[in-house]
Protein backbone atom coordinates (compact mmCIF):
# COMPACT_ATOMS: atom_id res chain seq x y z
CA UNK A 1 8.22 -5.43 -29.10
CA UNK A 2 7.92 -7.90 -32.00
CA UNK A 3 10.39 -10.27 -30.33
CA UNK A 4 8.53 -9.96 -27.04
CA UNK A 5 5.22 -10.73 -28.77
CA UNK A 6 6.54 -13.81 -30.61
CA UNK A 7 8.20 -15.11 -27.43
CA UNK A 8 5.02 -14.54 -25.42
CA UNK A 9 2.93 -16.39 -28.01
CA UNK A 10 5.26 -19.38 -27.89
CA UNK A 11 5.39 -19.33 -24.09
CA UNK A 12 1.60 -19.12 -23.75
CA UNK A 13 1.27 -22.71 -24.98
CA UNK A 14 3.03 -23.95 -21.82
CA UNK A 15 1.46 -24.19 -18.38
CA UNK A 16 3.38 -23.72 -15.16
CA UNK A 17 2.96 -27.42 -14.33
CA UNK A 18 4.40 -28.46 -17.71
CA UNK A 19 7.48 -26.36 -17.11
CA UNK A 20 7.90 -27.51 -13.50
CA UNK A 21 7.52 -31.19 -14.46
CA UNK A 22 10.14 -30.80 -17.20
CA UNK A 23 12.76 -29.52 -14.73
CA UNK A 24 13.73 -33.06 -13.84
CA UNK A 25 14.54 -34.20 -17.37
CA UNK A 26 18.29 -34.73 -17.79
CA UNK A 27 20.07 -32.56 -20.37
CA UNK A 28 23.36 -33.17 -22.11
CA UNK A 29 26.52 -31.20 -21.44
CA UNK A 30 26.30 -29.36 -24.77
CA UNK A 31 22.93 -27.80 -23.89
CA UNK A 32 23.96 -27.09 -20.33
CA UNK A 33 27.10 -25.27 -21.51
CA UNK A 34 25.04 -23.35 -24.05
CA UNK A 35 22.73 -22.15 -21.29
CA UNK A 36 25.71 -21.16 -19.18
CA UNK A 37 27.03 -19.10 -22.09
CA UNK A 38 23.64 -17.46 -22.61
CA UNK A 39 23.45 -16.66 -18.91
CA UNK A 40 26.89 -15.06 -18.91
CA UNK A 41 25.94 -12.96 -21.94
CA UNK A 42 22.67 -11.85 -20.36
CA UNK A 43 24.42 -10.80 -17.16
CA UNK A 44 27.08 -8.91 -19.13
CA UNK A 45 24.56 -7.09 -21.32
CA UNK A 46 22.58 -6.15 -18.21
CA UNK A 47 25.66 -4.70 -16.52
CA UNK A 48 26.45 -2.69 -19.68
CA UNK A 49 22.82 -1.56 -20.18
CA UNK A 50 23.11 -3.08 -23.64
CA UNK A 51 20.19 -2.87 -26.11
CA UNK A 52 20.89 -6.51 -26.95
CA UNK A 53 19.64 -7.69 -23.55
CA UNK A 54 16.00 -8.21 -24.65
CA UNK A 55 16.98 -10.07 -27.83
CA UNK A 56 19.34 -12.41 -25.97
CA UNK A 57 16.76 -13.07 -23.28
CA UNK A 58 13.95 -13.82 -25.73
CA UNK A 59 16.17 -16.08 -27.83
CA UNK A 60 17.14 -18.06 -24.72
CA UNK A 61 13.48 -18.40 -23.68
CA UNK A 62 12.51 -19.63 -27.15
CA UNK A 63 15.38 -22.12 -27.23
CA UNK A 64 14.38 -23.39 -23.80
CA UNK A 65 10.73 -23.82 -24.88
CA UNK A 66 11.59 -25.49 -28.18
CA UNK A 67 13.80 -28.02 -26.42
CA UNK A 68 11.70 -28.26 -23.21
CA UNK A 69 14.80 -27.55 -21.15
CA UNK A 70 14.16 -25.69 -17.90
CA UNK A 71 17.26 -25.36 -15.73
CA UNK A 72 18.52 -22.81 -13.20
CA UNK A 73 20.56 -21.31 -16.06
CA UNK A 74 17.52 -20.90 -18.31
CA UNK A 75 15.60 -19.42 -15.37
CA UNK A 76 17.62 -16.23 -15.90
CA UNK A 77 15.94 -15.71 -19.27
CA UNK A 78 12.45 -16.40 -17.90
CA UNK A 79 13.03 -13.86 -15.13
CA UNK A 80 14.14 -11.41 -17.84
CA UNK A 81 10.95 -12.21 -19.78
CA UNK A 82 8.95 -11.22 -16.70
CA UNK A 83 11.00 -8.05 -16.40
CA UNK A 84 10.35 -7.05 -20.01
CA UNK A 85 6.66 -7.88 -19.64
CA UNK A 86 6.60 -5.18 -16.98
CA UNK A 87 8.80 -2.47 -18.52
CA UNK A 88 7.94 -2.93 -22.22
CA UNK A 89 4.36 -4.20 -22.20
CA UNK A 90 3.36 -2.92 -18.73
CA UNK A 91 1.68 -6.27 -18.18
CA UNK A 92 2.44 -6.61 -14.49
CA UNK A 93 0.46 -9.80 -13.86
CA UNK A 94 2.19 -11.71 -16.67
CA UNK A 95 5.49 -10.35 -15.44
CA UNK A 96 4.67 -11.80 -12.02
CA UNK A 97 3.70 -15.12 -13.61
CA UNK A 98 7.05 -15.50 -15.37
CA UNK A 99 8.88 -14.40 -12.25
CA UNK A 100 7.23 -17.28 -10.38
CA UNK A 101 8.11 -19.65 -13.22
CA UNK A 102 11.77 -18.63 -12.91
CA UNK A 103 11.71 -19.15 -9.14
CA UNK A 104 10.15 -22.60 -9.59
CA UNK A 105 13.04 -23.58 -11.86
CA UNK A 106 15.46 -22.83 -9.02
CA UNK A 107 13.75 -25.00 -6.42
CA UNK A 108 15.82 -27.86 -5.01
CA UNK A 109 18.85 -26.80 -7.05
CA UNK A 110 22.29 -25.90 -5.78
CA UNK A 111 22.79 -22.10 -5.57
CA UNK A 112 24.86 -20.79 -8.47
CA UNK A 113 25.41 -17.42 -10.14
CA UNK A 114 22.16 -17.86 -12.09
CA UNK A 115 20.30 -18.17 -8.77
CA UNK A 116 21.60 -14.77 -7.74
CA UNK A 117 20.66 -13.19 -11.09
CA UNK A 118 17.11 -14.58 -10.97
CA UNK A 119 16.50 -13.51 -7.39
CA UNK A 120 17.85 -10.05 -8.14
CA UNK A 121 15.66 -9.55 -11.21
CA UNK A 122 12.52 -10.88 -9.52
CA UNK A 123 12.90 -8.94 -6.26
CA UNK A 124 14.30 -5.73 -7.73
CA UNK A 125 11.99 -5.19 -10.67
CA UNK A 126 8.94 -7.47 -10.63
CA UNK A 127 7.68 -8.48 -7.20
CA UNK A 128 8.25 -4.94 -5.91
CA UNK A 129 4.95 -4.01 -7.52
CA UNK A 130 3.13 -6.62 -5.43
CA UNK A 131 4.84 -6.83 -2.03
CA UNK A 132 5.73 -4.28 0.68
CA UNK A 133 8.93 -2.34 0.07
CA UNK A 134 10.44 -3.66 3.28
CA UNK A 135 10.11 -7.23 2.00
CA UNK A 136 11.80 -6.34 -1.30
CA UNK A 137 14.65 -4.70 0.61
CA UNK A 138 15.05 -7.77 2.83
CA UNK A 139 15.07 -10.22 -0.09
CA UNK A 140 17.57 -8.14 -1.99
CA UNK A 141 19.85 -8.15 1.05
CA UNK A 142 19.52 -11.95 1.14
CA UNK A 143 20.43 -11.98 -2.56
CA UNK A 144 23.51 -9.88 -1.79
CA UNK A 145 24.65 -12.37 0.86
CA UNK A 146 23.99 -15.33 -1.48
CA UNK A 147 25.94 -13.66 -4.27
CA UNK A 148 28.94 -13.13 -2.02
CA UNK A 149 28.76 -16.78 -1.01
CA UNK A 150 28.73 -18.15 -4.58
CA UNK A 151 31.24 -15.61 -5.88
CA UNK A 152 28.97 -13.39 -7.99
CA UNK A 153 30.36 -10.20 -6.53
CA UNK A 154 29.09 -7.78 -9.18
CA UNK A 155 25.45 -8.86 -8.89
CA UNK A 156 25.86 -8.86 -5.12
CA UNK A 157 26.74 -5.17 -5.24
CA UNK A 158 23.68 -4.39 -7.36
CA UNK A 159 21.51 -6.25 -4.84
CA UNK A 160 23.12 -4.52 -1.86
CA UNK A 161 22.75 -1.07 -3.41
CA UNK A 162 19.08 -1.54 -4.27
CA UNK A 163 18.38 -3.10 -0.87
CA UNK A 164 19.63 0.08 0.79
CA UNK A 165 17.77 2.33 -1.66
CA UNK A 166 14.51 0.48 -1.05
CA UNK A 167 15.14 0.75 2.69
CA UNK A 168 15.43 4.52 2.21
CA UNK A 169 12.20 4.66 0.22
CA UNK A 170 10.25 2.60 2.75
CA UNK A 171 11.26 4.89 5.61
CA UNK A 172 14.19 3.20 7.37
CA UNK A 173 16.20 5.25 9.85
CA UNK A 174 18.34 7.68 7.84
CA UNK A 175 21.36 7.40 10.14
CA UNK A 176 21.38 3.62 9.71
CA UNK A 177 21.21 3.90 5.94
CA UNK A 178 23.95 6.54 5.87
CA UNK A 179 26.21 4.36 7.98
CA UNK A 180 25.51 1.28 5.84
CA UNK A 181 26.25 3.14 2.62
CA UNK A 182 29.52 4.55 3.98
CA UNK A 183 30.59 1.15 5.32
CA UNK A 184 29.99 -0.55 1.98
CA UNK A 185 31.32 2.07 -0.46
CA UNK A 186 34.85 0.63 -0.54
CA UNK A 187 33.49 -2.85 -1.16
CA UNK A 188 31.37 -1.51 -4.02
CA UNK A 189 34.37 0.28 -5.51
CA UNK A 190 36.27 -2.99 -5.42
CA UNK A 191 33.64 -5.08 -7.17
CA UNK A 192 31.50 -2.61 -9.18
CA UNK A 193 32.27 1.07 -9.69
CA UNK A 194 28.84 1.42 -11.34
CA UNK A 195 27.18 0.42 -8.07
CA UNK A 196 29.50 2.69 -6.09
CA UNK A 197 28.43 5.66 -8.19
CA UNK A 198 24.76 4.87 -7.56
CA UNK A 199 25.42 4.47 -3.84
CA UNK A 200 27.07 7.89 -3.75
CA UNK A 201 23.91 9.43 -5.22
CA UNK A 202 21.85 7.74 -2.53
CA UNK A 203 24.26 8.89 0.17
CA UNK A 204 23.93 12.50 -1.00
CA UNK A 205 20.14 12.28 -0.65
CA UNK A 206 20.34 10.64 2.78
CA UNK A 207 22.81 13.16 4.19
CA UNK A 208 20.87 16.10 2.73
CA UNK A 209 17.75 14.84 4.49
CA UNK A 210 19.74 14.45 7.72
CA UNK A 211 21.28 17.90 7.39
CA UNK A 212 24.67 16.24 7.67
CA UNK A 213 27.82 17.15 5.78
CA UNK A 214 29.77 14.42 4.07
CA UNK A 215 32.26 13.95 1.27
CA UNK A 216 30.80 11.03 -0.71
CA UNK A 217 32.89 11.76 -3.82
CA UNK A 218 36.15 11.31 -1.90
CA UNK A 219 35.93 7.59 -2.70
CA UNK A 220 36.72 8.44 -6.36
CA UNK A 221 40.03 10.12 -5.43
CA UNK A 222 39.50 13.22 -7.54
CA UNK A 223 38.28 11.49 -10.69
CA UNK A 224 34.66 12.47 -9.94
CA UNK A 225 34.01 15.44 -7.69
CA UNK A 226 30.29 16.18 -8.09
CA UNK A 227 27.11 14.83 -9.65
CA UNK A 228 27.77 16.70 -12.92
CA UNK A 229 30.98 14.68 -13.27
CA UNK A 230 29.00 11.55 -12.52
CA UNK A 231 26.38 12.38 -15.18
CA UNK A 232 29.07 13.09 -17.78
CA UNK A 233 30.81 9.86 -16.87
CA UNK A 234 27.56 7.91 -17.24
CA UNK A 235 26.84 9.54 -20.62
CA UNK A 236 30.35 8.73 -21.83
CA UNK A 237 29.89 5.07 -20.86
CA UNK A 238 26.31 4.94 -22.23
CA UNK A 239 24.96 4.02 -18.80
CA UNK A 240 21.37 5.26 -19.07
CA UNK A 241 20.46 3.99 -15.60
CA UNK A 242 23.10 6.08 -13.84
CA UNK A 243 22.15 9.16 -15.88
CA UNK A 244 18.52 8.76 -14.86
CA UNK A 245 19.35 8.13 -11.20
CA UNK A 246 21.50 11.26 -11.06
CA UNK A 247 18.63 13.37 -12.39
CA UNK A 248 16.22 11.68 -9.98
CA UNK A 249 18.56 12.80 -7.19
CA UNK A 250 18.53 16.38 -8.46
CA UNK A 251 14.73 16.38 -8.66
CA UNK A 252 14.25 15.04 -5.13
CA UNK A 253 16.84 17.36 -3.64
CA UNK A 254 15.24 20.41 -5.25
CA UNK A 255 11.75 19.36 -4.16
CA UNK A 256 12.76 18.76 -0.55
CA UNK A 257 14.59 22.13 -0.48
CA UNK A 258 11.32 23.73 -1.67
CA UNK A 259 13.14 24.94 -4.79
CA UNK A 260 10.13 24.21 -6.98
CA UNK A 261 11.42 26.00 -10.07
CA UNK A 262 14.52 23.79 -10.08
CA UNK A 263 12.40 20.73 -9.29
CA UNK A 264 10.21 21.46 -12.31
CA UNK A 265 13.28 21.90 -14.52
CA UNK A 266 14.76 18.62 -13.25
CA UNK A 267 11.47 16.81 -13.87
CA UNK A 268 11.48 18.00 -17.48
CA UNK A 269 15.01 16.68 -17.95
CA UNK A 270 13.97 13.34 -16.49
CA UNK A 271 10.93 13.07 -18.73
CA UNK A 272 13.11 13.77 -21.78
CA UNK A 273 15.21 10.66 -21.11
CA UNK A 274 14.15 7.57 -23.11
CA UNK A 275 14.62 5.40 -20.01
CA UNK A 276 11.97 7.42 -18.14
CA UNK A 277 9.27 5.79 -20.29
CA UNK A 278 9.95 2.43 -18.64
CA UNK A 279 8.06 1.89 -15.38
CA UNK A 280 10.22 1.27 -12.34
CA UNK A 281 9.52 1.44 -8.64
CA UNK A 282 11.17 4.82 -8.19
CA UNK A 283 8.76 6.15 -10.85
CA UNK A 284 5.98 5.99 -8.26
CA UNK A 285 7.82 8.44 -6.03
CA UNK A 286 8.76 10.67 -8.92
CA UNK A 287 5.18 10.98 -10.19
CA UNK A 288 3.82 11.43 -6.68
CA UNK A 289 6.09 14.41 -6.01
CA UNK A 290 5.62 15.73 -9.55
CA UNK A 291 1.87 15.63 -9.00
CA UNK A 292 2.21 17.61 -5.77
CA UNK A 293 4.38 20.11 -7.61
CA UNK A 294 1.85 20.44 -10.44
CA UNK A 295 -1.09 21.07 -8.11
CA UNK A 296 0.92 23.63 -6.16
CA UNK A 297 1.76 25.53 -9.33
CA UNK A 298 -1.86 25.30 -10.47
CA UNK A 299 -2.95 26.86 -7.18
CA UNK A 300 -0.39 29.64 -7.61
CA UNK A 301 -1.06 30.67 -11.22
CA UNK A 302 -4.25 28.81 -12.23
CA UNK A 303 -2.39 27.06 -15.09
CA UNK A 304 -4.59 24.55 -16.90
CA UNK A 305 -1.47 22.74 -18.07
CA UNK A 306 -0.39 22.12 -14.47
CA UNK A 307 -3.89 20.90 -13.63
CA UNK A 308 -3.70 18.46 -16.55
CA UNK A 309 -0.32 17.17 -15.33
CA UNK A 310 -1.69 16.71 -11.82
CA UNK A 311 -4.74 14.77 -13.04
CA UNK A 312 -2.59 12.57 -15.31
CA UNK A 313 -0.37 11.82 -12.32
CA UNK A 314 -3.36 10.73 -10.23
CA UNK A 315 -4.41 8.38 -13.04
CA UNK A 316 -0.92 6.83 -13.14
CA UNK A 317 -0.88 6.29 -9.39
CA UNK A 318 -4.39 4.80 -9.45
CA UNK A 319 -3.28 2.36 -12.16
CA UNK A 320 -0.24 1.24 -10.14
CA UNK A 321 -2.25 1.02 -6.91
CA UNK A 322 -4.26 -1.95 -8.20
CA UNK A 323 -1.12 -4.10 -7.80
CA UNK A 324 -0.07 -2.70 -4.43
CA UNK A 325 -0.15 -5.01 -1.39
C-alpha cells in the first residue's frame, strides 16, 4: 500500500491533458527498450500471479512520470495502476480514471502486445464495474481477436476465457457457451494451460446448469481428473486465482443443487483465502448468493449471526451498486 500511495501522490500532479499532450514527444531507443522490458516483466508476473506485479507496475509508472514518457508500452503500467486502485484501495473512480489514461496512450498507435494487455486489464477488471456485463464480454472477445492477430496468444486466451465467463454471468444461452468452451479448449491447452483449467471449471458449471453430462477433464489426458486435482495443481504452482475459481465453482454448484450446508462450507473456504479480500466482478455474485443463503438460514433457525451476515452483504451490494450502469 505504501508504494501505491507514493505512486498515486506523484501521479496526482499530472492532468489527463498533460499526459495526452506528452504522448507525441519522441523518445530514444534506450527508453523505449526499457519500457518493452518492463512490459514483458509485468505480463510475466501477471501470468504467474507474482507478488512482484504491483511493485513492477508502480516503478514503471513512476519512471514514466519522472521522464514524462507516455507510450503504448508504459500504458500497461498505468492500466495496472488503475487495477490496483480498485483491488487494493477500492477506489473505483480513480481506477477508472487511470484506465482511461492508459487507453488514451494507445490512441493512434499501431496495435502491439501492450495494446492487448491494456485492453484486457481495463475491460476485465476496471470498466466492468461501470458498464453492462454484455459490453465487457464483447470487448474482451475483441481483445482476444486482436491478441491472436498481433501474436500475443497467452493474453488472448485469458481474454477469451473471461469473455465466455462474463457471457455466462450476464445470461447468455447456456448451450452456446458450452459449445464455445468445448470448441476452444484445445486452443487454450496449446497456448495457456492455466486458461484451459479455468475454462474447464466454467464448463462444469454450464453443463451442470444444463443437466448435461460431459467429460471436461478428458482434455488433460489423465493428469487431472477432477476439481480436487485442479485445486492441488493450482496450490502446487502457487496460482491463487485458479484456487479461488475452483472454490467459487464448488460454492455455486452446491447452492444451485440446494445443498445449502455444502454451500455454506464452501463459502467459508472462499472467505479464508487471502485473494477473496480483493474485489472482483465475480464477488458480486458470490455475496449475492451468500446473502440469500444467510437469510434462509436465519429464517430456519433464527440465528443472529446469519442475520448479521445477510445485512453486511446488503451493505456490500449497495456500495457496489453506486458504480453500476
